[in-house]
Amino acid sequence: MSESKNNHSESESVSETVAELETNQWFICKQTSGICTISNDRNAKAEAGESWGPFATQGEAIAKRIGLIRAGKCQPL
């Protein structure tokens, strides 16, 4: 019986970890003005015309945004 409880708590822990990872995802969203913003809001990604991501950290998203600016795909702020 205790083994069943362990399996249940492990699956809850995995579900919590997956939910936490999903909320900690970062996206680059291109606005109609051509400016790319960084957001961890999935809704902003859906509203954007063009988007990149998800990225695991904000730093990764910033580095990618810099690359997009240099490539001419995004305008700087």
C-alpha atoms as a PDB file:
ATOM      1  CA  MET A   1       0.000   0.000   0.000  1.00  0.00           C
ATOM      2  CA  SER A   2       2.820   2.431   0.755  1.00  0.00           C
ATOM      3  CA  GLU A   3       4.230   1.718  -2.708  1.00  0.00           C
ATOM      4  CA  SER A   4       0.960   2.918  -4.220  1.00  0.00           C
ATOM      5  CA  LYS A   5       1.179   6.151  -2.232  1.00  0.00           C
ATOM      6  CA  ASN A   6       4.746   6.701  -3.452  1.00  0.00           C
ATOM      7  CA  ASN A   7       3.698   6.263  -7.086  1.00  0.00           C
ATOM      8  CA  HIS A   8       0.850   8.714  -6.611  1.00  0.00           C
ATOM      9  CA  SER A   9       3.063  11.345  -4.990  1.00  0.00           C
ATOM     10  CA  GLU A  10       5.721  10.862  -7.696  1.00  0.00           C
ATOM     11  CA  SER A  11       3.159  11.475 -10.448  1.00  0.00           C
ATOM     12  CA  GLU A  12       1.946  14.606  -8.642  1.00  0.00           C
ATOM     13  CA  SER A  13       5.543  15.780  -8.367  1.00  0.00           C
ATOM     14  CA  VAL A  14       6.115  15.199 -12.094  1.00  0.00           C
ATOM     15  CA  SER A  15       2.916  17.098 -12.943  1.00  0.00           C
ATOM     16  CA  GLU A  16       4.016  20.019 -10.775  1.00  0.00           C
ATOM     17  CA  THR A  17       7.464  20.038 -12.392  1.00  0.00           C
ATOM     18  CA  VAL A  18       5.981  20.038 -15.911  1.00  0.00           C
ATOM     19  CA  ALA A  19       3.628  22.886 -14.994  1.00  0.00           C
ATOM     20  CA  GLU A  20       6.538  24.838 -13.496  1.00  0.00           C
ATOM     21  CA  LEU A  21       8.659  24.336 -16.621  1.00  0.00           C
ATOM     22  CA  GLU A  22       5.824  25.514 -18.842  1.00  0.00           C
ATOM     23  CA  THR A  23       5.402  28.713 -16.835  1.00  0.00           C
ATOM     24  CA  ASN A  24       9.139  29.408 -16.974  1.00  0.00           C
ATOM     25  CA  GLN A  25       9.280  29.426 -20.762  1.00  0.00           C
ATOM     26  CA  TRP A  26      10.263  32.636 -22.528  1.00  0.00           C
ATOM     27  CA  PHE A  27       9.165  33.789 -25.959  1.00  0.00           C
ATOM     28  CA  ILE A  28      10.187  36.511 -28.402  1.00  0.00           C
ATOM     29  CA  CYS A  29       7.146  38.207 -29.902  1.00  0.00           C
ATOM     30  CA  LYS A  30       7.342  40.505 -32.920  1.00  0.00           C
ATOM     31  CA  GLN A  31       4.903  43.406 -32.713  1.00  0.00           C
ATOM     32  CA  THR A  32       3.316  45.068 -35.746  1.00  0.00           C
ATOM     33  CA  SER A  33       5.830  47.903 -35.330  1.00  0.00           C
ATOM     34  CA  GLY A  34       8.668  45.430 -35.942  1.00  0.00           C
ATOM     35  CA  ILE A  35       9.927  45.611 -32.363  1.00  0.00           C
ATOM     36  CA  CYS A  36      10.493  42.248 -30.698  1.00  0.00           C
ATOM     37  CA  THR A  37       9.644  41.908 -27.030  1.00  0.00           C
ATOM     38  CA  ILE A  38      10.499  39.145 -24.601  1.00  0.00           C
ATOM     39  CA  SER A  39       7.676  37.647 -22.585  1.00  0.00           C
ATOM     40  CA  ASN A  40       6.903  34.578 -20.522  1.00  0.00           C
ATOM     41  CA  ASP A  41       3.193  34.933 -21.321  1.00  0.00           C
ATOM     42  CA  ARG A  42       1.880  32.330 -23.760  1.00  0.00           C
ATOM     43  CA  ASN A  43      -1.033  34.622 -24.636  1.00  0.00           C
ATOM     44  CA  ALA A  44       1.357  37.301 -25.883  1.00  0.00           C
ATOM     45  CA  LYS A  45       2.948  34.689 -28.133  1.00  0.00           C
ATOM     46  CA  ALA A  46      -0.432  33.770 -29.597  1.00  0.00           C
ATOM     47  CA  GLU A  47      -1.284  37.426 -30.279  1.00  0.00           C
ATOM     48  CA  ALA A  48       2.044  38.229 -31.955  1.00  0.00           C
ATOM     49  CA  GLY A  49       2.340  38.082 -35.705  1.00  0.00           C
ATOM     50  CA  GLU A  50       5.620  36.193 -35.524  1.00  0.00           C
ATOM     51  CA  SER A  51       7.264  34.585 -32.525  1.00  0.00           C
ATOM     52  CA  TRP A  52      10.235  32.481 -31.524  1.00  0.00           C
ATOM     53  CA  GLY A  53      10.660  30.119 -28.606  1.00  0.00           C
ATOM     54  CA  PRO A  54      10.120  28.722 -26.081  1.00  0.00           C
ATOM     55  CA  PHE A  55      13.445  29.372 -24.401  1.00  0.00           C
ATOM     56  CA  ALA A  56      14.335  27.893 -21.022  1.00  0.00           C
ATOM     57  CA  THR A  57      15.728  31.122 -19.595  1.00  0.00           C
ATOM     58  CA  GLN A  58      15.243  34.826 -20.129  1.00  0.00           C
ATOM     59  CA  GLY A  59      18.959  35.082 -20.945  1.00  0.00           C
ATOM     60  CA  GLU A  60      18.587  32.654 -23.853  1.00  0.00           C
ATOM     61  CA  ALA A  61      15.676  34.691 -25.192  1.00  0.00           C
ATOM     62  CA  ILE A  62      17.699  37.913 -24.917  1.00  0.00           C
ATOM     63  CA  ALA A  63      20.607  36.348 -26.812  1.00  0.00           C
ATOM     64  CA  LYS A  64      18.262  35.149 -29.556  1.00  0.00           C
ATOM     65  CA  ARG A  65      16.603  38.593 -29.768  1.00  0.00           C
ATOM     66  CA  ILE A  66      20.021  40.188 -30.263  1.00  0.00           C
ATOM     67  CA  GLY A  67      20.656  37.750 -33.109  1.00  0.00           C
ATOM     68  CA  LEU A  68      17.276  38.585 -34.665  1.00  0.00           C
ATOM     69  CA  ILE A  69      18.067  42.312 -34.474  1.00  0.00           C
ATOM     70  CA  ARG A  70      21.457  41.754 -36.123  1.00  0.00           C
ATOM     71  CA  ALA A  71      19.805  39.659 -38.842  1.00  0.00           C
ATOM     72  CA  GLY A  72      17.329  42.466 -39.529  1.00  0.00           C
ATOM     73  CA  LYS A  73      14.279  40.482 -38.459  1.00  0.00           C
ATOM     74  CA  CYS A  74      13.528  42.692 -35.440  1.00  0.00           C
ATOM     75  CA  GLN A  75      13.912  46.361 -34.621  1.00  0.00           C
ATOM     76  CA  PRO A  76      15.694  47.387 -31.418  1.00  0.00           C
ATOM     77  CA  LEU A  77      13.678  49.119 -28.699  1.00  0.00           C
END
